[in-house]
N, C-alpha and C. Protein backbone atom coordinates (compact mmCIF):
# COMPACT_ATOMS: atom_id res chain seq x y z
N MET A 1 0.81 -1.20 0.24
CA MET A 1 -0.05 -0.19 0.30
C MET A 1 0.76 1.20 -0.06
N THR A 2 1.35 1.82 0.66
CA THR A 2 2.82 2.17 0.82
C THR A 2 3.65 3.06 -0.52
N ARG A 3 3.78 1.72 -1.02
CA ARG A 3 3.78 1.44 -2.91
C ARG A 3 3.14 2.01 -3.38
N PHE A 4 1.95 1.78 -3.40
CA PHE A 4 1.35 2.32 -3.87
C PHE A 4 1.17 4.30 -3.72
N LEU A 5 0.49 4.76 -2.62
CA LEU A 5 0.29 5.65 -2.32
C LEU A 5 1.51 6.38 -3.07
N SER A 6 3.45 6.27 -2.66
CA SER A 6 4.44 6.92 -3.01
C SER A 6 4.51 6.81 -4.40
N ALA A 7 3.63 5.71 -4.92
CA ALA A 7 3.93 5.89 -6.92
C ALA A 7 2.66 6.88 -8.08
N ILE A 8 1.63 7.23 -7.06
CA ILE A 8 0.42 8.01 -6.97
C ILE A 8 1.33 9.27 -6.23
N SER A 9 1.50 9.32 -5.94
CA SER A 9 2.25 11.04 -5.55
C SER A 9 3.08 11.72 -6.48
N ILE A 10 4.08 10.21 -6.72
CA ILE A 10 5.46 11.01 -7.48
C ILE A 10 5.32 11.10 -8.85
N LEU A 11 3.21 10.50 -9.81
CA LEU A 11 2.67 10.71 -10.67
C LEU A 11 2.61 12.15 -10.54
N LEU A 12 1.33 12.43 -8.93
CA LEU A 12 1.03 14.09 -9.48
C LEU A 12 2.52 15.15 -9.08
N ILE A 13 3.13 14.95 -8.87
CA ILE A 13 4.17 15.47 -8.60
C ILE A 13 4.64 16.61 -9.70
N ALA A 14 5.19 14.64 -10.44
CA ALA A 14 5.55 15.13 -12.22
C ALA A 14 4.96 15.48 -12.80
N GLY A 15 3.16 15.48 -12.59
CA GLY A 15 2.44 15.32 -13.68
C GLY A 15 2.41 17.57 -13.73
N VAL A 16 2.18 17.55 -12.23
CA VAL A 16 2.11 19.37 -12.32
C VAL A 16 3.80 20.16 -12.59
N PHE A 17 4.79 19.31 -12.63
CA PHE A 17 5.90 19.68 -13.85
C PHE A 17 5.92 19.77 -14.89
N VAL A 18 5.31 18.33 -15.27
CA VAL A 18 5.03 19.06 -17.27
C VAL A 18 4.10 20.33 -17.75
N ALA A 19 2.81 20.03 -16.80
CA ALA A 19 1.78 20.98 -17.03
C ALA A 19 2.53 22.07 -16.81
N ARG A 20 3.37 21.92 -15.45
CA ARG A 20 3.31 24.05 -15.45
C ARG A 20 4.98 24.46 -17.29
N GLY A 21 5.81 22.79 -16.99
CA GLY A 21 6.19 23.15 -18.27
C GLY A 21 6.32 23.50 -19.33
N GLN A 22 4.10 23.42 -19.86
CA GLN A 22 3.24 23.16 -21.22
C GLN A 22 2.55 24.55 -20.83
N GLN A 23 2.57 25.68 -19.50
CA GLN A 23 2.59 26.46 -19.49
C GLN A 23 2.42 27.73 -20.61
N ASN A 24 1.94 28.43 -21.63
CA ASN A 24 2.26 29.18 -21.83
C ASN A 24 2.80 30.46 -21.31
N THR A 25 3.89 31.05 -21.81
CA THR A 25 4.40 32.14 -21.65
C THR A 25 4.09 33.20 -21.17
N SER A 26 3.27 33.46 -21.90
CA SER A 26 2.31 35.03 -22.25
C SER A 26 1.25 35.08 -20.63
N ASP A 27 1.12 34.11 -20.20
CA ASP A 27 0.16 33.67 -18.84
C ASP A 27 0.96 34.22 -17.55
N LEU A 28 1.88 33.97 -17.80
CA LEU A 28 2.94 34.50 -16.74
C LEU A 28 3.13 35.70 -16.36
N ILE A 29 2.86 36.68 -17.65
CA ILE A 29 2.90 38.17 -17.57
C ILE A 29 1.45 38.90 -16.75
N SER A 30 1.76 39.13 -15.51
CA SER A 30 0.65 39.74 -15.09
C SER A 30 0.05 40.73 -16.09
N GLU A 31 -1.39 41.33 -15.18
CA GLU A 31 -2.01 42.14 -15.94
C GLU A 31 -1.41 43.87 -15.66
N ALA A 32 -0.71 43.80 -15.11
CA ALA A 32 -0.16 45.37 -14.30
C ALA A 32 0.83 45.29 -15.02
N ASP A 33 2.16 44.51 -15.94
CA ASP A 33 2.94 44.39 -16.40
C ASP A 33 2.70 44.39 -17.82
N LYS A 34 1.13 43.51 -18.52
CA LYS A 34 0.97 44.18 -19.83
C LYS A 34 0.98 45.32 -19.61
N ALA A 35 0.43 45.96 -18.47
CA ALA A 35 -1.16 47.15 -18.96
C ALA A 35 1.20 48.39 -19.43
N GLY A 36 2.30 48.22 -18.65
CA GLY A 36 3.09 48.60 -18.83
C GLY A 36 3.73 48.86 -20.59
N ILE A 37 4.13 47.52 -20.54
CA ILE A 37 4.19 47.66 -21.50
C ILE A 37 3.41 47.51 -23.17
N ILE A 38 2.61 47.61 -22.56
CA ILE A 38 1.33 47.98 -23.79
C ILE A 38 2.14 49.56 -23.88
N GLU A 39 2.10 50.79 -23.03
CA GLU A 39 1.63 51.96 -22.96
C GLU A 39 3.60 51.71 -23.07
N SER A 40 4.30 51.54 -23.20
CA SER A 40 5.86 51.63 -23.59
C SER A 40 5.90 51.09 -25.18
N ILE A 41 4.83 50.41 -24.85
CA ILE A 41 5.10 50.51 -26.95
C ILE A 41 4.38 51.03 -27.53
N LEU A 42 3.26 52.08 -27.16
CA LEU A 42 2.59 52.77 -28.01
C LEU A 42 3.11 54.15 -27.28
N HIS A 43 3.79 54.11 -26.39
CA HIS A 43 4.75 55.16 -26.19
C HIS A 43 5.27 55.56 -27.76
N LEU A 44 6.87 54.54 -27.99
CA LEU A 44 6.85 54.16 -29.21
C LEU A 44 6.49 54.22 -30.49
N GLU A 45 5.26 53.71 -30.83
CA GLU A 45 4.87 53.72 -31.69
C GLU A 45 4.11 55.32 -32.04
N GLN A 46 3.94 56.47 -31.35
CA GLN A 46 3.70 57.37 -31.99
C GLN A 46 4.44 57.77 -32.42
N GLY A 47 5.15 58.16 -31.96
CA GLY A 47 6.92 57.41 -33.04
C GLY A 47 7.51 57.27 -34.82
N ASN A 48 6.84 56.14 -34.75
CA ASN A 48 6.93 55.29 -35.58
C ASN A 48 5.79 55.63 -36.77
N GLN A 49 4.86 56.34 -35.70
CA GLN A 49 3.89 56.68 -36.76
C GLN A 49 3.81 57.11 -37.77
N ALA A 50 4.44 58.69 -36.62
CA ALA A 50 5.10 59.79 -37.64
C ALA A 50 5.81 60.01 -38.32
N SER A 51 6.75 59.24 -38.44
CA SER A 51 7.91 58.39 -38.90
C SER A 51 6.95 57.71 -40.66
N LEU A 52 6.73 57.07 -40.67
CA LEU A 52 5.82 56.98 -41.86
C LEU A 52 4.79 58.07 -42.60
N VAL A 53 5.67 57.68 -43.73
CA VAL A 53 5.43 58.98 -44.99
C VAL A 53 4.04 58.55 -45.76
N GLY A 54 2.56 59.27 -45.78
CA GLY A 54 1.77 58.87 -46.82
C GLY A 54 0.86 57.99 -45.93
N SER A 55 1.21 57.69 -44.61
CA SER A 55 0.26 56.37 -44.17
C SER A 55 -0.50 57.40 -43.19
N PRO A 56 -1.70 57.13 -43.09
CA PRO A 56 -2.46 57.83 -41.97
C PRO A 56 -2.79 57.38 -40.42
N TYR A 57 -2.03 58.18 -39.45
CA TYR A 57 -2.19 57.78 -37.50
C TYR A 57 -3.50 57.29 -37.50
N VAL A 58 -2.61 55.44 -37.08
CA VAL A 58 -4.61 55.03 -36.37
C VAL A 58 -3.72 55.16 -34.32
N ARG A 59 -5.22 55.59 -34.15
CA ARG A 59 -5.53 55.38 -33.22
C ARG A 59 -5.91 54.74 -32.15
N GLN A 60 -7.13 54.25 -33.40
CA GLN A 60 -7.84 53.02 -32.33
C GLN A 60 -7.17 52.00 -31.63
N VAL A 61 -7.10 51.91 -30.93
CA VAL A 61 -6.49 50.05 -30.33
C VAL A 61 -8.14 48.73 -30.17
N SER A 62 -7.81 47.40 -30.84
CA SER A 62 -8.84 46.73 -31.06
C SER A 62 -8.11 46.50 -29.37
N SER A 63 -10.07 45.94 -28.60
CA SER A 63 -9.70 45.68 -27.05
C SER A 63 -8.70 44.27 -26.94
N GLU A 64 -8.92 43.42 -27.96
CA GLU A 64 -8.29 41.99 -28.61
C GLU A 64 -7.40 41.79 -27.99
N ASN A 65 -7.77 40.88 -26.93
CA ASN A 65 -6.25 40.50 -25.64
C ASN A 65 -5.64 41.70 -25.01
N ILE A 66 -6.91 43.09 -24.44
CA ILE A 66 -6.59 43.89 -23.93
C ILE A 66 -7.46 44.03 -22.64
N GLU A 67 -8.26 43.71 -22.96
CA GLU A 67 -9.17 43.66 -22.74
C GLU A 67 -9.70 44.42 -21.17
N PHE A 68 -8.04 44.12 -20.44
CA PHE A 68 -8.27 44.44 -18.37
C PHE A 68 -7.83 46.13 -18.49
N ILE A 69 -7.38 46.63 -20.01
CA ILE A 69 -6.57 48.29 -19.19
C ILE A 69 -7.33 48.55 -19.71
N ASP A 70 -6.94 49.35 -18.27
CA ASP A 70 -7.94 50.82 -18.25
C ASP A 70 -7.98 52.19 -19.29
N PRO A 71 -9.07 51.98 -20.18
CA PRO A 71 -9.09 52.90 -21.50
C PRO A 71 -7.77 54.60 -21.22
N SER A 72 -7.83 54.53 -20.42
CA SER A 72 -7.07 55.75 -19.37
C SER A 72 -5.77 56.61 -20.46
N ARG A 73 -5.32 54.67 -19.90
CA ARG A 73 -3.86 54.42 -19.43
C ARG A 73 -3.29 54.71 -21.55
N LEU A 74 -4.46 54.12 -22.30
CA LEU A 74 -4.32 54.45 -23.69
C LEU A 74 -4.15 55.81 -23.81
N SER A 75 -5.02 56.31 -22.88
CA SER A 75 -5.36 57.84 -23.82
C SER A 75 -5.13 58.38 -23.48
N LYS A 76 -4.28 58.51 -22.72
CA LYS A 76 -2.25 59.48 -22.06
C LYS A 76 -1.17 59.67 -23.63
N HIS A 77 -1.79 58.61 -24.00
CA HIS A 77 -0.04 58.63 -24.95
C HIS A 77 -0.93 58.86 -26.86
N GLY A 78 -2.85 59.26 -27.05
CA GLY A 78 -3.33 59.73 -27.99
C GLY A 78 -4.32 58.59 -28.30
N PHE A 79 -4.64 57.68 -28.05
CA PHE A 79 -4.95 56.14 -28.05
C PHE A 79 -6.86 55.81 -27.77
N THR A 80 -6.93 55.61 -28.39
CA THR A 80 -8.34 55.01 -27.83
C THR A 80 -9.12 53.62 -28.06
N LEU A 81 -8.79 52.67 -27.16
CA LEU A 81 -9.63 51.50 -26.85
C LEU A 81 -11.30 51.15 -27.39
N VAL A 82 -10.95 50.51 -28.36
CA VAL A 82 -11.86 50.41 -29.15
C VAL A 82 -12.60 48.90 -28.61
N PRO A 83 -14.05 48.82 -28.07
CA PRO A 83 -14.35 47.32 -28.89
C PRO A 83 -14.55 46.01 -29.19
N SER A 84 -13.49 45.23 -29.64
CA SER A 84 -13.04 44.64 -31.06
C SER A 84 -14.69 44.12 -31.54
N SER A 85 -15.64 43.62 -30.38
CA SER A 85 -17.27 43.91 -31.40
C SER A 85 -17.49 44.67 -32.19
N GLU A 86 -16.81 46.27 -30.82
CA GLU A 86 -17.85 47.59 -31.98
C GLU A 86 -16.62 47.47 -33.29
N LEU A 87 -14.94 46.84 -33.88
CA LEU A 87 -15.39 46.53 -34.50
C LEU A 87 -15.34 46.23 -35.85
N ARG A 88 -16.00 44.96 -35.49
CA ARG A 88 -16.44 44.31 -36.24
C ARG A 88 -17.94 44.60 -36.57
N ARG A 89 -18.38 45.77 -35.91
CA ARG A 89 -20.10 46.60 -36.29
C ARG A 89 -19.24 47.13 -38.00
N ALA A 90 -18.50 47.96 -37.34
CA ALA A 90 -17.67 49.43 -37.62
C ALA A 90 -17.39 48.96 -39.37
N LYS A 91 -16.50 47.51 -39.70
CA LYS A 91 -15.83 46.96 -40.79
C LYS A 91 -17.33 46.53 -41.52
N ALA A 92 -18.15 46.64 -41.32
CA ALA A 92 -19.36 45.71 -42.49
C ALA A 92 -19.88 46.46 -43.10
N GLU A 93 -20.06 48.01 -42.73
CA GLU A 93 -20.07 49.11 -43.90
C GLU A 93 -19.25 50.01 -44.05
N ASN A 94 -18.11 50.17 -43.20
CA ASN A 94 -17.01 51.49 -43.37
C ASN A 94 -15.29 50.42 -43.65
N VAL A 95 -14.37 51.30 -43.57
CA VAL A 95 -13.29 50.67 -43.97
C VAL A 95 -12.80 51.25 -42.69
N VAL A 96 -12.17 50.48 -41.87
CA VAL A 96 -12.14 50.61 -40.27
C VAL A 96 -10.22 51.07 -40.07
N ASP A 97 -9.73 51.58 -39.41
CA ASP A 97 -7.78 51.12 -39.23
C ASP A 97 -8.05 51.37 -37.78
N TYR A 98 -7.70 49.87 -37.45
CA TYR A 98 -6.69 49.52 -36.31
C TYR A 98 -5.55 49.19 -35.77
N LEU A 99 -5.06 49.20 -34.52
CA LEU A 99 -4.21 48.56 -34.23
C LEU A 99 -4.35 47.07 -33.06
N VAL A 100 -3.89 45.66 -33.42
CA VAL A 100 -3.67 45.18 -32.53
C VAL A 100 -2.63 44.52 -31.30
N PHE A 101 -2.66 43.89 -30.40
CA PHE A 101 -1.92 44.10 -29.65
C PHE A 101 -1.93 41.66 -29.88
N LYS A 102 -1.40 40.83 -30.93
CA LYS A 102 -1.34 39.91 -31.09
C LYS A 102 -0.82 38.73 -30.13
N GLU A 103 0.21 39.64 -29.38
CA GLU A 103 1.58 38.57 -29.57
C GLU A 103 2.46 39.19 -27.67
N PHE A 104 2.30 38.61 -27.24
CA PHE A 104 2.77 38.39 -25.67
C PHE A 104 4.14 36.85 -25.20
N LEU A 105 4.73 37.30 -25.23
CA LEU A 105 5.76 36.45 -25.20
C LEU A 105 6.76 36.53 -24.02
N LEU A 106 7.28 36.97 -22.74
CA LEU A 106 8.07 36.44 -22.20
C LEU A 106 9.21 35.52 -21.49
N ARG A 107 10.36 35.82 -22.10
CA ARG A 107 11.73 35.19 -21.77
C ARG A 107 12.51 36.06 -21.03
N ASP A 108 13.02 36.33 -20.55
CA ASP A 108 14.15 35.61 -19.35
C ASP A 108 14.26 37.55 -19.26
N GLY A 109 12.82 38.26 -19.05
CA GLY A 109 12.40 39.19 -18.45
C GLY A 109 12.70 40.54 -18.79
N VAL A 110 12.24 39.89 -20.99
CA VAL A 110 12.54 40.49 -21.85
C VAL A 110 11.27 40.34 -22.36
N ALA A 111 9.83 40.95 -22.93
CA ALA A 111 8.60 41.05 -23.62
C ALA A 111 8.55 40.96 -24.88
N ASN A 112 8.38 40.14 -25.69
CA ASN A 112 8.16 39.88 -26.92
C ASN A 112 7.36 40.24 -27.53
N VAL A 113 6.28 41.60 -28.15
CA VAL A 113 5.26 41.64 -29.14
C VAL A 113 4.99 42.34 -30.44
N VAL A 114 4.23 41.64 -30.32
CA VAL A 114 3.80 41.69 -31.68
C VAL A 114 2.68 42.83 -31.58
N LEU A 115 2.63 44.02 -32.49
CA LEU A 115 1.57 44.84 -32.79
C LEU A 115 1.51 45.17 -34.35
N THR A 116 -0.72 44.13 -34.79
CA THR A 116 -0.85 44.38 -36.07
C THR A 116 -0.99 45.95 -35.97
N ARG A 117 -1.00 46.84 -37.54
CA ARG A 117 -2.05 47.36 -37.92
C ARG A 117 -2.83 47.03 -38.83
N VAL A 118 -4.13 46.86 -38.91
CA VAL A 118 -5.07 46.29 -39.56
C VAL A 118 -5.78 47.47 -40.20
N THR A 119 -5.92 47.45 -41.21
CA THR A 119 -7.25 47.90 -42.12
C THR A 119 -8.10 47.37 -42.93
N GLU A 120 -9.35 47.40 -42.43
CA GLU A 120 -10.55 46.04 -43.41
C GLU A 120 -12.35 46.59 -42.56
N GLY A 121 -12.34 46.56 -44.40
CA GLY A 121 -14.09 47.24 -44.29
C GLY A 121 -14.49 46.65 -45.31
N ARG A 122 -15.56 47.59 -45.97
CA ARG A 122 -16.11 47.63 -47.23
C ARG A 122 -16.51 48.66 -47.62
N PRO A 123 -15.54 49.16 -48.76
CA PRO A 123 -15.52 50.06 -49.44
C PRO A 123 -16.77 50.51 -50.15
N CYS A 124 -17.22 51.84 -50.61
CA CYS A 124 -17.84 52.04 -51.65
C CYS A 124 -18.18 51.02 -53.04
N PHE A 125 -19.35 50.47 -52.84
CA PHE A 125 -19.32 49.75 -54.69
C PHE A 125 -17.68 48.75 -54.73
N SER A 126 -17.43 48.25 -53.47
CA SER A 126 -16.51 47.16 -53.88
C SER A 126 -16.53 45.75 -52.98
N ALA A 127 -15.84 45.52 -53.08
CA ALA A 127 -15.43 43.96 -52.37
C ALA A 127 -14.96 43.35 -51.01
N PRO A 128 -15.46 43.67 -49.94
CA PRO A 128 -14.13 43.32 -48.34
C PRO A 128 -13.47 43.55 -48.70
N PHE A 129 -12.31 43.69 -48.00
CA PHE A 129 -11.09 43.60 -47.97
C PHE A 129 -10.23 43.34 -46.56
N SER A 130 -8.92 43.12 -46.59
CA SER A 130 -8.35 42.87 -44.09
C SER A 130 -6.82 42.67 -45.36
N ASN A 131 -6.42 44.16 -44.66
CA ASN A 131 -4.88 43.67 -44.97
C ASN A 131 -4.43 44.01 -43.47
N GLU A 132 -2.86 44.00 -43.41
CA GLU A 132 -2.38 43.71 -42.17
C GLU A 132 -0.83 43.43 -42.47
N SER A 133 -0.68 44.47 -41.04
CA SER A 133 0.96 44.55 -41.40
C SER A 133 1.87 44.65 -39.81
N ASN A 134 2.58 44.02 -39.45
CA ASN A 134 3.21 43.07 -38.33
C ASN A 134 4.27 44.29 -37.54
N THR A 135 4.47 44.92 -36.81
CA THR A 135 5.84 45.37 -35.84
C THR A 135 6.07 44.55 -33.98
N THR A 136 7.05 44.48 -34.45
CA THR A 136 7.39 43.37 -33.35
C THR A 136 8.46 44.32 -32.07
N TYR A 137 7.77 44.59 -30.72
CA TYR A 137 8.63 45.62 -30.23
C TYR A 137 9.31 44.49 -29.63
N GLU A 138 10.09 44.83 -27.97
CA GLU A 138 10.56 44.55 -27.42
C GLU A 138 10.83 45.26 -26.27
N SER A 139 10.37 45.00 -25.08
CA SER A 139 10.17 45.01 -23.67
C SER A 139 10.91 45.19 -22.67
N ARG A 140 11.22 45.95 -22.18
CA ARG A 140 12.03 46.21 -20.36
C ARG A 140 11.71 46.15 -19.64
N SER A 141 11.68 45.93 -19.23
CA SER A 141 11.60 45.98 -17.20
C SER A 141 12.63 46.91 -16.62
N THR A 142 12.24 48.20 -15.95
CA THR A 142 13.89 49.11 -15.88
C THR A 142 13.07 49.49 -14.03
N PRO A 143 13.75 49.93 -13.43
CA PRO A 143 13.96 50.35 -12.50
C PRO A 143 12.66 52.09 -12.37
N VAL A 144 12.58 52.86 -13.60
CA VAL A 144 11.48 53.72 -13.85
C VAL A 144 10.23 53.10 -14.87
N GLY A 145 10.27 51.82 -15.19
CA GLY A 145 9.00 50.80 -15.75
C GLY A 145 9.41 50.80 -16.94
N TRP A 146 8.28 50.31 -17.61
CA TRP A 146 8.59 49.38 -19.16
C TRP A 146 9.56 50.08 -20.02
N ILE A 147 10.16 49.62 -21.08
CA ILE A 147 10.63 50.07 -22.09
C ILE A 147 11.08 49.77 -22.81
N ALA A 148 10.40 50.48 -24.44
CA ALA A 148 10.31 49.55 -25.47
C ALA A 148 11.79 50.44 -26.34
N GLN A 149 10.97 49.20 -27.49
CA GLN A 149 12.38 49.12 -28.36
C GLN A 149 12.08 48.91 -29.70
N LEU A 150 12.46 49.37 -31.15
CA LEU A 150 11.65 48.49 -32.25
C LEU A 150 12.52 47.24 -32.53
N ILE A 151 12.74 46.37 -32.90
CA ILE A 151 12.77 44.85 -33.06
C ILE A 151 12.83 44.67 -34.71
N LYS A 152 11.48 44.74 -34.65
CA LYS A 152 11.28 44.53 -36.25
C LYS A 152 10.25 45.35 -36.97
N LYS A 153 10.62 46.46 -38.42
CA LYS A 153 10.22 47.03 -38.42
C LYS A 153 8.59 46.72 -38.86
N PRO A 154 7.83 47.60 -39.49
CA PRO A 154 6.12 46.97 -39.72
C PRO A 154 6.72 45.93 -41.30
N THR A 155 5.47 44.91 -41.12
CA THR A 155 6.15 44.42 -42.71
C THR A 155 5.26 45.43 -43.85
N PRO A 156 5.10 45.22 -44.85
CA PRO A 156 4.49 45.78 -46.09
C PRO A 156 2.82 45.26 -45.90
N PHE A 157 1.99 45.51 -46.06
CA PHE A 157 0.94 45.23 -46.05
C PHE A 157 0.43 44.18 -46.60
N ARG A 158 -0.40 42.54 -46.17
CA ARG A 158 -0.40 42.19 -46.83
C ARG A 158 -1.62 41.31 -46.35
N PRO A 159 -2.88 40.88 -47.94
CA PRO A 159 -4.16 40.46 -47.47
C PRO A 159 -4.46 39.23 -46.66
N ARG A 160 -5.06 39.54 -45.65
CA ARG A 160 -5.64 38.54 -45.20
C ARG A 160 -6.31 36.87 -46.09
N ARG A 161 -6.79 36.18 -45.41
CA ARG A 161 -7.61 35.17 -46.03
C ARG A 161 -8.81 35.17 -45.27
N ASN A 162 -9.75 34.56 -45.93
CA ASN A 162 -11.22 34.71 -44.60
C ASN A 162 -11.33 36.00 -44.46
N VAL A 163 -12.40 37.04 -44.83
CA VAL A 163 -12.19 38.43 -44.35
C VAL A 163 -12.98 37.78 -43.63
N TRP A 164 -14.24 36.93 -44.01
CA TRP A 164 -14.91 37.35 -43.31
C TRP A 164 -15.64 36.16 -42.75
N PRO A 165 -16.20 36.45 -41.73
CA PRO A 165 -16.10 34.53 -40.98
C PRO A 165 -17.69 33.57 -41.48
C-alpha cells in the first residue's frame, strides 16, 4: 500500500511539473506588467507612425487580448481603446484602421510583443477586404518602468485570407 501511495504521489508531482512546463509563457505576465508593456509600446508607436510618410495615423486600439487595461492608460498616449465587437460592426459598412496586440511572449525578463496594424472593411461599391502589417517590439522592465524598443519594422501590408467569418 505504501508503494502504491508513493507511486501516485510521484505521478502527481511529475504531472504538476509537466503541466507547468507546457504553460503558455504569456500567461506568466501579470496584467499590471502587460499594461506597462502596452504603454511603453504605444509611446514608441506614436513616433513610428509619425515617421511613416503617406500613411495615416491609427489611433484606435482593439480591445482584443487587452480587455483588462484601463482606457485612460491608452488615451494619455493619444490612443482610444475600442471594443472588438464595435470594430466588427464598423467594418461591415466602412473601412476601419486599428491596432491589435497579437502576441505577448516573456523570456528572461524581456517581453516580445507583436503589434498588428489592420485596415479592413467594405468600401463603397467594392468587395470587403482586409490587410495587416506586423511590427515587433521588445520591452524590458527597468526601475522607472517598462521601456520598449522597435525590433522588427512594420511588414508591408498583406491581404488576409478568409476576410469574413
